[in-house]
């Protein structure tokens, strides 16, 4: 069993802005206990001669070559826009003058 107290669990819930009932606190306490015990088991097995990894096998990104293909002109891009002004897309303002 972990060393988490009920007060610590309540504090964690408050930090996460969770309003938990007593029943939910009991359930979360059990779930956190399982998680912390699992981490403790991994910590027991981990040793200095085993490097930390995020995957059991090495991964590498596969990138495709950047190939320039047909590009829309400014007029073509703006042709289907609901509204345009001065060669740019015109969108509704989302900030008030006071927010800037």
PDB file of N, CA and C in Angstrom:
ATOM      1  N   UNK A   1       0.840  -1.184   0.000  1.00  0.00           N
ATOM      2  CA  UNK A   1       0.000   0.000   0.000  1.00  0.00           C
ATOM      3  C   UNK A   1       0.883   1.244   0.000  1.00  0.00           C
ATOM      4  N   UNK A   2       0.449   2.256  -0.696  1.00  0.00           N
ATOM      5  CA  UNK A   2       1.225   3.491  -0.782  1.00  0.00           C
ATOM      6  C   UNK A   2       1.086   4.283   0.510  1.00  0.00           C
ATOM      7  N   UNK A   3       1.898   5.298   0.612  1.00  0.00           N
ATOM      8  CA  UNK A   3       1.891   6.131   1.814  1.00  0.00           C
ATOM      9  C   UNK A   3       1.036   7.375   1.645  1.00  0.00           C
ATOM     10  N   UNK A   4       0.186   7.410   0.627  1.00  0.00           N
ATOM     11  CA  UNK A   4      -0.673   8.568   0.416  1.00  0.00           C
ATOM     12  C   UNK A   4      -1.765   8.628   1.480  1.00  0.00           C
ATOM     13  N   UNK A   5      -1.888   9.784   2.081  1.00  0.00           N
ATOM     14  CA  UNK A   5      -2.961   9.957   3.067  1.00  0.00           C
ATOM     15  C   UNK A   5      -4.197  10.499   2.358  1.00  0.00           C
ATOM     16  N   UNK A   6      -5.318  10.423   3.035  1.00  0.00           N
ATOM     17  CA  UNK A   6      -6.560  10.940   2.455  1.00  0.00           C
ATOM     18  C   UNK A   6      -6.443  12.449   2.227  1.00  0.00           C
ATOM     19  N   UNK A   7      -5.775  13.150   3.121  1.00  0.00           N
ATOM     20  CA  UNK A   7      -5.578  14.595   2.949  1.00  0.00           C
ATOM     21  C   UNK A   7      -4.758  14.898   1.691  1.00  0.00           C
ATOM     22  N   UNK A   8      -3.755  14.071   1.421  1.00  0.00           N
ATOM     23  CA  UNK A   8      -2.952  14.270   0.214  1.00  0.00           C
ATOM     24  C   UNK A   8      -3.786  14.023  -1.049  1.00  0.00           C
ATOM     25  N   UNK A   9      -4.648  13.041  -0.996  1.00  0.00           N
ATOM     26  CA  UNK A   9      -5.509  12.747  -2.144  1.00  0.00           C
ATOM     27  C   UNK A   9      -6.488  13.898  -2.364  1.00  0.00           C
ATOM     28  N   UNK A  10      -7.039  14.425  -1.291  1.00  0.00           N
ATOM     29  CA  UNK A  10      -7.933  15.580  -1.394  1.00  0.00           C
ATOM     30  C   UNK A  10      -7.165  16.767  -1.973  1.00  0.00           C
ATOM     31  N   UNK A  11      -5.932  16.965  -1.528  1.00  0.00           N
ATOM     32  CA  UNK A  11      -5.104  18.068  -2.024  1.00  0.00           C
ATOM     33  C   UNK A  11      -4.826  17.894  -3.527  1.00  0.00           C
ATOM     34  N   UNK A  12      -4.488  16.674  -3.945  1.00  0.00           N
ATOM     35  CA  UNK A  12      -4.262  16.407  -5.369  1.00  0.00           C
ATOM     36  C   UNK A  12      -5.515  16.685  -6.186  1.00  0.00           C
ATOM     37  N   UNK A  13      -6.657  16.296  -5.670  1.00  0.00           N
ATOM     38  CA  UNK A  13      -7.919  16.545  -6.366  1.00  0.00           C
ATOM     39  C   UNK A  13      -8.172  18.043  -6.496  1.00  0.00           C
ATOM     40  N   UNK A  14      -7.857  18.794  -5.448  1.00  0.00           N
ATOM     41  CA  UNK A  14      -8.034  20.249  -5.508  1.00  0.00           C
ATOM     42  C   UNK A  14      -7.084  20.873  -6.519  1.00  0.00           C
ATOM     43  N   UNK A  15      -5.842  20.396  -6.573  1.00  0.00           N
ATOM     44  CA  UNK A  15      -4.889  20.910  -7.549  1.00  0.00           C
ATOM     45  C   UNK A  15      -5.362  20.656  -8.978  1.00  0.00           C
ATOM     46  N   UNK A  16      -6.036  19.521  -9.177  1.00  0.00           N
ATOM     47  CA  UNK A  16      -6.548  19.167 -10.501  1.00  0.00           C
ATOM     48  C   UNK A  16      -7.933  19.750 -10.743  1.00  0.00           C
ATOM     49  N   UNK A  17      -8.413  20.571  -9.810  1.00  0.00           N
ATOM     50  CA  UNK A  17      -9.745  21.184  -9.908  1.00  0.00           C
ATOM     51  C   UNK A  17     -10.840  20.129 -10.063  1.00  0.00           C
ATOM     52  N   UNK A  18     -10.718  19.060  -9.271  1.00  0.00           N
ATOM     53  CA  UNK A  18     -11.715  17.992  -9.269  1.00  0.00           C
ATOM     54  C   UNK A  18     -12.520  18.079  -7.985  1.00  0.00           C
ATOM     55  N   UNK A  19     -13.820  18.098  -8.127  1.00  0.00           N
ATOM     56  CA  UNK A  19     -14.713  18.115  -6.971  1.00  0.00           C
ATOM     57  C   UNK A  19     -15.214  16.686  -6.782  1.00  0.00           C
ATOM     58  N   UNK A  20     -14.513  15.907  -5.945  1.00  0.00           N
ATOM     59  CA  UNK A  20     -14.819  14.487  -5.789  1.00  0.00           C
ATOM     60  C   UNK A  20     -15.684  14.244  -4.566  1.00  0.00           C
ATOM     61  N   UNK A  21     -16.608  13.311  -4.718  1.00  0.00           N
ATOM     62  CA  UNK A  21     -17.425  12.881  -3.579  1.00  0.00           C
ATOM     63  C   UNK A  21     -16.584  11.945  -2.710  1.00  0.00           C
ATOM     64  N   UNK A  22     -17.110  11.603  -1.544  1.00  0.00           N
ATOM     65  CA  UNK A  22     -16.391  10.679  -0.648  1.00  0.00           C
ATOM     66  C   UNK A  22     -16.178   9.329  -1.339  1.00  0.00           C
ATOM     67  N   UNK A  23     -17.195   8.850  -2.040  1.00  0.00           N
ATOM     68  CA  UNK A  23     -17.080   7.563  -2.745  1.00  0.00           C
ATOM     69  C   UNK A  23     -16.016   7.643  -3.838  1.00  0.00           C
ATOM     70  N   UNK A  24     -15.985   8.766  -4.553  1.00  0.00           N
ATOM     71  CA  UNK A  24     -14.983   8.932  -5.604  1.00  0.00           C
ATOM     72  C   UNK A  24     -13.583   9.026  -5.023  1.00  0.00           C
ATOM     73  N   UNK A  25     -13.444   9.680  -3.876  1.00  0.00           N
ATOM     74  CA  UNK A  25     -12.146   9.750  -3.217  1.00  0.00           C
ATOM     75  C   UNK A  25     -11.655   8.361  -2.842  1.00  0.00           C
ATOM     76  N   UNK A  26     -12.560   7.510  -2.335  1.00  0.00           N
ATOM     77  CA  UNK A  26     -12.185   6.136  -1.991  1.00  0.00           C
ATOM     78  C   UNK A  26     -11.730   5.369  -3.233  1.00  0.00           C
ATOM     79  N   UNK A  27     -12.461   5.533  -4.336  1.00  0.00           N
ATOM     80  CA  UNK A  27     -12.115   4.836  -5.579  1.00  0.00           C
ATOM     81  C   UNK A  27     -10.776   5.331  -6.114  1.00  0.00           C
ATOM     82  N   UNK A  28     -10.586   6.654  -6.117  1.00  0.00           N
ATOM     83  CA  UNK A  28      -9.336   7.233  -6.617  1.00  0.00           C
ATOM     84  C   UNK A  28      -8.165   6.806  -5.735  1.00  0.00           C
ATOM     85  N   UNK A  29      -8.382   6.709  -4.431  1.00  0.00           N
ATOM     86  CA  UNK A  29      -7.319   6.275  -3.530  1.00  0.00           C
ATOM     87  C   UNK A  29      -6.833   4.885  -3.916  1.00  0.00           C
ATOM     88  N   UNK A  30      -7.767   3.998  -4.227  1.00  0.00           N
ATOM     89  CA  UNK A  30      -7.390   2.654  -4.651  1.00  0.00           C
ATOM     90  C   UNK A  30      -6.649   2.661  -5.980  1.00  0.00           C
ATOM     91  N   UNK A  31      -7.119   3.484  -6.918  1.00  0.00           N
ATOM     92  CA  UNK A  31      -6.466   3.562  -8.231  1.00  0.00           C
ATOM     93  C   UNK A  31      -5.063   4.136  -8.109  1.00  0.00           C
ATOM     94  N   UNK A  32      -4.916   5.188  -7.305  1.00  0.00           N
ATOM     95  CA  UNK A  32      -3.589   5.769  -7.098  1.00  0.00           C
ATOM     96  C   UNK A  32      -2.649   4.780  -6.413  1.00  0.00           C
ATOM     97  N   UNK A  33      -3.198   3.992  -5.513  1.00  0.00           N
ATOM     98  CA  UNK A  33      -2.396   2.975  -4.832  1.00  0.00           C
ATOM     99  C   UNK A  33      -1.839   1.978  -5.836  1.00  0.00           C
ATOM    100  N   UNK A  34      -2.663   1.522  -6.766  1.00  0.00           N
ATOM    101  CA  UNK A  34      -2.212   0.577  -7.799  1.00  0.00           C
ATOM    102  C   UNK A  34      -1.128   1.218  -8.663  1.00  0.00           C
ATOM    103  N   UNK A  35      -1.332   2.471  -9.059  1.00  0.00           N
ATOM    104  CA  UNK A  35      -0.358   3.168  -9.906  1.00  0.00           C
ATOM    105  C   UNK A  35       0.968   3.325  -9.172  1.00  0.00           C
ATOM    106  N   UNK A  36       0.921   3.789  -7.937  1.00  0.00           N
ATOM    107  CA  UNK A  36       2.153   4.004  -7.181  1.00  0.00           C
ATOM    108  C   UNK A  36       2.881   2.700  -6.895  1.00  0.00           C
ATOM    109  N   UNK A  37       2.147   1.637  -6.635  1.00  0.00           N
ATOM    110  CA  UNK A  37       2.793   0.335  -6.426  1.00  0.00           C
ATOM    111  C   UNK A  37       3.440  -0.163  -7.710  1.00  0.00           C
ATOM    112  N   UNK A  38       2.819   0.091  -8.841  1.00  0.00           N
ATOM    113  CA  UNK A  38       3.401  -0.313 -10.129  1.00  0.00           C
ATOM    114  C   UNK A  38       4.690   0.449 -10.393  1.00  0.00           C
ATOM    115  N   UNK A  39       4.689   1.727 -10.110  1.00  0.00           N
ATOM    116  CA  UNK A  39       5.898   2.536 -10.285  1.00  0.00           C
ATOM    117  C   UNK A  39       6.992   2.051  -9.341  1.00  0.00           C
ATOM    118  N   UNK A  40       6.629   1.706  -8.131  1.00  0.00           N
ATOM    119  CA  UNK A  40       7.614   1.210  -7.165  1.00  0.00           C
ATOM    120  C   UNK A  40       8.236  -0.097  -7.653  1.00  0.00           C
ATOM    121  N   UNK A  41       7.432  -0.972  -8.257  1.00  0.00           N
ATOM    122  CA  UNK A  41       7.972  -2.239  -8.788  1.00  0.00           C
ATOM    123  C   UNK A  41       8.952  -1.975  -9.917  1.00  0.00           C
ATOM    124  N   UNK A  42       8.623  -1.038 -10.785  1.00  0.00           N
ATOM    125  CA  UNK A  42       9.538  -0.704 -11.886  1.00  0.00           C
ATOM    126  C   UNK A  42      10.829  -0.127 -11.320  1.00  0.00           C
ATOM    127  N   UNK A  43      10.703   0.706 -10.306  1.00  0.00           N
ATOM    128  CA  UNK A  43      11.880   1.303  -9.685  1.00  0.00           C
ATOM    129  C   UNK A  43      12.792   0.231  -9.085  1.00  0.00           C
ATOM    130  N   UNK A  44      12.215  -0.844  -8.539  1.00  0.00           N
ATOM    131  CA  UNK A  44      13.009  -1.929  -7.966  1.00  0.00           C
ATOM    132  C   UNK A  44      13.808  -2.644  -9.042  1.00  0.00           C
ATOM    133  N   UNK A  45      13.210  -2.789 -10.209  1.00  0.00           N
ATOM    134  CA  UNK A  45      13.845  -3.528 -11.302  1.00  0.00           C
ATOM    135  C   UNK A  45      14.878  -2.675 -12.023  1.00  0.00           C
ATOM    136  N   UNK A  46      14.628  -1.389 -12.128  1.00  0.00           N
ATOM    137  CA  UNK A  46      15.521  -0.494 -12.861  1.00  0.00           C
ATOM    138  C   UNK A  46      16.910  -0.513 -12.239  1.00  0.00           C
ATOM    139  N   UNK A  47      17.904  -0.516 -13.102  1.00  0.00           N
ATOM    140  CA  UNK A  47      19.278  -0.482 -12.618  1.00  0.00           C
ATOM    141  C   UNK A  47      20.081   0.482 -13.493  1.00  0.00           C
ATOM    142  N   UNK A  48      21.264   0.814 -13.039  1.00  0.00           N
ATOM    143  CA  UNK A  48      22.097   1.776 -13.756  1.00  0.00           C
ATOM    144  C   UNK A  48      22.585   1.254 -15.102  1.00  0.00           C
ATOM    145  N   UNK A  49      22.687  -0.076 -15.247  1.00  0.00           N
ATOM    146  CA  UNK A  49      23.204  -0.616 -16.514  1.00  0.00           C
ATOM    147  C   UNK A  49      22.126  -0.751 -17.586  1.00  0.00           C
ATOM    148  N   UNK A  50      20.882  -0.416 -17.262  1.00  0.00           N
ATOM    149  CA  UNK A  50      19.801  -0.452 -18.245  1.00  0.00           C
ATOM    150  C   UNK A  50      19.383   0.988 -18.532  1.00  0.00           C
ATOM    151  N   UNK A  51      19.615   1.434 -19.783  1.00  0.00           N
ATOM    152  CA  UNK A  51      19.261   2.821 -20.094  1.00  0.00           C
ATOM    153  C   UNK A  51      17.744   3.013 -20.124  1.00  0.00           C
ATOM    154  N   UNK A  52      17.326   4.198 -19.726  1.00  0.00           N
ATOM    155  CA  UNK A  52      15.900   4.520 -19.755  1.00  0.00           C
ATOM    156  C   UNK A  52      15.438   4.648 -21.203  1.00  0.00           C
ATOM    157  N   UNK A  53      14.285   4.075 -21.494  1.00  0.00           N
ATOM    158  CA  UNK A  53      13.742   4.151 -22.844  1.00  0.00           C
ATOM    159  C   UNK A  53      12.247   4.418 -22.770  1.00  0.00           C
ATOM    160  N   UNK A  54      11.718   4.924 -23.861  1.00  0.00           N
ATOM    161  CA  UNK A  54      10.274   5.122 -23.925  1.00  0.00           C
ATOM    162  C   UNK A  54       9.626   4.029 -24.763  1.00  0.00           C
ATOM    163  N   UNK A  55      10.438   3.297 -25.535  1.00  0.00           N
ATOM    164  CA  UNK A  55       9.945   2.203 -26.371  1.00  0.00           C
ATOM    165  C   UNK A  55      10.916   1.025 -26.264  1.00  0.00           C
ATOM    166  N   UNK A  56      10.419  -0.192 -26.359  1.00  0.00           N
ATOM    167  CA  UNK A  56      11.310  -1.341 -26.244  1.00  0.00           C
ATOM    168  C   UNK A  56      12.219  -1.515 -27.457  1.00  0.00           C
ATOM    169  N   UNK A  57      11.834  -0.971 -28.594  1.00  0.00           N
ATOM    170  CA  UNK A  57      12.685  -1.042 -29.783  1.00  0.00           C
ATOM    171  C   UNK A  57      12.927   0.378 -30.287  1.00  0.00           C
ATOM    172  N   UNK A  58      14.042   0.571 -30.953  1.00  0.00           N
ATOM    173  CA  UNK A  58      14.373   1.901 -31.456  1.00  0.00           C
ATOM    174  C   UNK A  58      13.395   2.315 -32.544  1.00  0.00           C
ATOM    175  N   UNK A  59      12.978   3.559 -32.485  1.00  0.00           N
ATOM    176  CA  UNK A  59      12.078   4.102 -33.488  1.00  0.00           C
ATOM    177  C   UNK A  59      12.781   5.212 -34.241  1.00  0.00           C
ATOM    178  N   UNK A  60      12.401   5.369 -35.496  1.00  0.00           N
ATOM    179  CA  UNK A  60      12.931   6.498 -36.257  1.00  0.00           C
ATOM    180  C   UNK A  60      11.814   7.053 -37.119  1.00  0.00           C
ATOM    181  N   UNK A  61      11.865   8.336 -37.327  1.00  0.00           N
ATOM    182  CA  UNK A  61      10.870   8.980 -38.171  1.00  0.00           C
ATOM    183  C   UNK A  61      11.193   8.710 -39.635  1.00  0.00           C
ATOM    184  N   UNK A  62      10.155   8.516 -40.394  1.00  0.00           N
ATOM    185  CA  UNK A  62      10.323   8.329 -41.824  1.00  0.00           C
ATOM    186  C   UNK A  62       9.732   9.560 -42.496  1.00  0.00           C
ATOM    187  N   UNK A  63      10.595  10.318 -43.123  1.00  0.00           N
ATOM    188  CA  UNK A  63      10.155  11.538 -43.777  1.00  0.00           C
ATOM    189  C   UNK A  63      10.188  11.345 -45.287  1.00  0.00           C
ATOM    190  N   UNK A  64       9.252  11.956 -45.944  1.00  0.00           N
ATOM    191  CA  UNK A  64       9.282  11.946 -47.399  1.00  0.00           C
ATOM    192  C   UNK A  64      10.002  13.202 -47.849  1.00  0.00           C
ATOM    193  N   UNK A  65      10.533  13.154 -49.047  1.00  0.00           N
ATOM    194  CA  UNK A  65      11.181  14.328 -49.604  1.00  0.00           C
ATOM    195  C   UNK A  65      10.145  15.403 -49.872  1.00  0.00           C
ATOM    196  N   UNK A  66      10.510  16.632 -49.599  1.00  0.00           N
ATOM    197  CA  UNK A  66       9.643  17.751 -49.938  1.00  0.00           C
ATOM    198  C   UNK A  66       9.725  17.972 -51.440  1.00  0.00           C
ATOM    199  N   UNK A  67       8.607  17.806 -52.088  1.00  0.00           N
ATOM    200  CA  UNK A  67       8.545  18.013 -53.526  1.00  0.00           C
ATOM    201  C   UNK A  67       7.507  19.090 -53.781  1.00  0.00           C
ATOM    202  N   UNK A  68       7.939  20.153 -54.427  1.00  0.00           N
ATOM    203  CA  UNK A  68       7.021  21.235 -54.734  1.00  0.00           C
ATOM    204  C   UNK A  68       6.122  20.773 -55.859  1.00  0.00           C
ATOM    205  N   UNK A  69       4.832  20.879 -55.616  1.00  0.00           N
ATOM    206  CA  UNK A  69       3.851  20.504 -56.630  1.00  0.00           C
ATOM    207  C   UNK A  69       3.035  21.739 -56.967  1.00  0.00           C
ATOM    208  N   UNK A  70       1.934  21.522 -57.639  1.00  0.00           N
ATOM    209  CA  UNK A  70       1.090  22.638 -58.015  1.00  0.00           C
ATOM    210  C   UNK A  70       0.722  23.492 -56.818  1.00  0.00           C
ATOM    211  N   UNK A  71       0.914  24.773 -56.947  1.00  0.00           N
ATOM    212  CA  UNK A  71       0.637  25.715 -55.867  1.00  0.00           C
ATOM    213  C   UNK A  71      -0.465  26.658 -56.325  1.00  0.00           C
ATOM    214  N   UNK A  72      -1.406  26.950 -55.430  1.00  0.00           N
ATOM    215  CA  UNK A  72      -2.475  27.881 -55.766  1.00  0.00           C
ATOM    216  C   UNK A  72      -1.936  29.306 -55.790  1.00  0.00           C
ATOM    217  N   UNK A  73      -2.425  30.063 -56.723  1.00  0.00           N
ATOM    218  CA  UNK A  73      -2.103  31.481 -56.706  1.00  0.00           C
ATOM    219  C   UNK A  73      -2.942  32.134 -55.606  1.00  0.00           C
ATOM    220  N   UNK A  74      -2.612  33.357 -55.286  1.00  0.00           N
ATOM    221  CA  UNK A  74      -3.355  34.068 -54.251  1.00  0.00           C
ATOM    222  C   UNK A  74      -4.824  34.189 -54.650  1.00  0.00           C
ATOM    223  N   UNK A  75      -5.085  34.516 -55.902  1.00  0.00           N
ATOM    224  CA  UNK A  75      -6.463  34.653 -56.372  1.00  0.00           C
ATOM    225  C   UNK A  75      -7.209  33.326 -56.298  1.00  0.00           C
ATOM    226  N   UNK A  76      -6.541  32.218 -56.644  1.00  0.00           N
ATOM    227  CA  UNK A  76      -7.184  30.904 -56.573  1.00  0.00           C
ATOM    228  C   UNK A  76      -7.501  30.524 -55.129  1.00  0.00           C
ATOM    229  N   UNK A  77      -6.598  30.837 -54.219  1.00  0.00           N
ATOM    230  CA  UNK A  77      -6.805  30.501 -52.814  1.00  0.00           C
ATOM    231  C   UNK A  77      -7.969  31.294 -52.235  1.00  0.00           C
ATOM    232  N   UNK A  78      -8.094  32.528 -52.648  1.00  0.00           N
ATOM    233  CA  UNK A  78      -9.146  33.384 -52.113  1.00  0.00           C
ATOM    234  C   UNK A  78     -10.476  33.232 -52.841  1.00  0.00           C
ATOM    235  N   UNK A  79     -10.485  32.504 -53.957  1.00  0.00           N
ATOM    236  CA  UNK A  79     -11.690  32.393 -54.785  1.00  0.00           C
ATOM    237  C   UNK A  79     -12.873  31.797 -54.023  1.00  0.00           C
ATOM    238  N   UNK A  80     -12.647  30.830 -53.167  1.00  0.00           N
ATOM    239  CA  UNK A  80     -13.741  30.170 -52.450  1.00  0.00           C
ATOM    240  C   UNK A  80     -13.888  30.685 -51.014  1.00  0.00           C
ATOM    241  N   UNK A  81     -13.115  31.691 -50.658  1.00  0.00           N
ATOM    242  CA  UNK A  81     -13.197  32.227 -49.297  1.00  0.00           C
ATOM    243  C   UNK A  81     -14.525  32.953 -49.114  1.00  0.00           C
ATOM    244  N   UNK A  82     -15.140  32.806 -47.941  1.00  0.00           N
ATOM    245  CA  UNK A  82     -16.392  33.515 -47.703  1.00  0.00           C
ATOM    246  C   UNK A  82     -16.216  35.032 -47.725  1.00  0.00           C
ATOM    247  N   UNK A  83     -15.016  35.501 -47.334  1.00  0.00           N
ATOM    248  CA  UNK A  83     -14.774  36.935 -47.340  1.00  0.00           C
ATOM    249  C   UNK A  83     -13.273  37.170 -47.461  1.00  0.00           C
ATOM    250  N   UNK A  84     -12.896  38.150 -48.261  1.00  0.00           N
ATOM    251  CA  UNK A  84     -11.487  38.492 -48.443  1.00  0.00           C
ATOM    252  C   UNK A  84     -11.372  40.007 -48.539  1.00  0.00           C
ATOM    253  N   UNK A  85     -10.201  40.498 -48.134  1.00  0.00           N
ATOM    254  CA  UNK A  85      -9.954  41.933 -48.203  1.00  0.00           C
ATOM    255  C   UNK A  85      -8.469  42.165 -48.378  1.00  0.00           C
ATOM    256  N   UNK A  86      -8.096  42.994 -49.311  1.00  0.00           N
ATOM    257  CA  UNK A  86      -6.687  43.338 -49.581  1.00  0.00           C
ATOM    258  C   UNK A  86      -5.834  42.097 -49.799  1.00  0.00           C
ATOM    259  N   UNK A  87      -6.377  41.100 -50.514  1.00  0.00           N
ATOM    260  CA  UNK A  87      -5.611  39.905 -50.830  1.00  0.00           C
ATOM    261  C   UNK A  87      -5.410  38.959 -49.664  1.00  0.00           C
ATOM    262  N   UNK A  88      -6.218  39.069 -48.612  1.00  0.00           N
ATOM    263  CA  UNK A  88      -6.097  38.204 -47.446  1.00  0.00           C
ATOM    264  C   UNK A  88      -7.471  37.684 -47.059  1.00  0.00           C
ATOM    265  N   UNK A  89      -7.482  36.544 -46.362  1.00  0.00           N
ATOM    266  CA  UNK A  89      -8.735  36.039 -45.820  1.00  0.00           C
ATOM    267  C   UNK A  89      -9.226  37.024 -44.764  1.00  0.00           C
ATOM    268  N   UNK A  90     -10.502  37.325 -44.775  1.00  0.00           N
ATOM    269  CA  UNK A  90     -11.077  38.197 -43.753  1.00  0.00           C
ATOM    270  C   UNK A  90     -11.919  37.326 -42.831  1.00  0.00           C
ATOM    271  N   UNK A  91     -11.626  37.405 -41.542  1.00  0.00           N
ATOM    272  CA  UNK A  91     -12.328  36.589 -40.550  1.00  0.00           C
ATOM    273  C   UNK A  91     -12.906  37.508 -39.482  1.00  0.00           C
ATOM    274  N   UNK A  92     -13.926  37.030 -38.776  1.00  0.00           N
ATOM    275  CA  UNK A  92     -14.491  37.850 -37.706  1.00  0.00           C
ATOM    276  C   UNK A  92     -13.471  38.087 -36.594  1.00  0.00           C
ATOM    277  N   UNK A  93     -13.530  39.256 -36.003  1.00  0.00           N
ATOM    278  CA  UNK A  93     -12.642  39.570 -34.878  1.00  0.00           C
ATOM    279  C   UNK A  93     -13.014  38.704 -33.682  1.00  0.00           C
ATOM    280  N   UNK A  94     -12.008  38.188 -32.995  1.00  0.00           N
ATOM    281  CA  UNK A  94     -12.271  37.373 -31.807  1.00  0.00           C
ATOM    282  C   UNK A  94     -11.835  38.077 -30.532  1.00  0.00           C
ATOM    283  N   UNK A  95     -11.105  39.171 -30.664  1.00  0.00           N
ATOM    284  CA  UNK A  95     -10.660  39.930 -29.505  1.00  0.00           C
ATOM    285  C   UNK A  95     -11.268  41.307 -29.555  1.00  0.00           C
ATOM    286  N   UNK A  96     -11.641  41.809 -28.404  1.00  0.00           N
ATOM    287  CA  UNK A  96     -12.100  43.188 -28.310  1.00  0.00           C
ATOM    288  C   UNK A  96     -10.892  44.101 -28.320  1.00  0.00           C
ATOM    289  N   UNK A  97     -11.104  45.345 -28.553  1.00  0.00           N
ATOM    290  CA  UNK A  97     -10.013  46.309 -28.530  1.00  0.00           C
ATOM    291  C   UNK A  97      -9.325  46.315 -27.173  1.00  0.00           C
ATOM    292  N   UNK A  98     -10.080  46.075 -26.106  1.00  0.00           N
ATOM    293  CA  UNK A  98      -9.513  46.087 -24.757  1.00  0.00           C
ATOM    294  C   UNK A  98      -8.565  44.916 -24.510  1.00  0.00           C
ATOM    295  N   UNK A  99      -8.714  43.813 -25.276  1.00  0.00           N
ATOM    296  CA  UNK A  99      -7.927  42.608 -25.068  1.00  0.00           C
ATOM    297  C   UNK A  99      -6.539  42.685 -25.717  1.00  0.00           C
ATOM    298  N   UNK A 100      -6.305  43.655 -26.530  1.00  0.00           N
ATOM    299  CA  UNK A 100      -5.021  43.729 -27.260  1.00  0.00           C
ATOM    300  C   UNK A 100      -3.932  44.312 -26.449  1.00  0.00           C
TER     301      UNK A 100
END
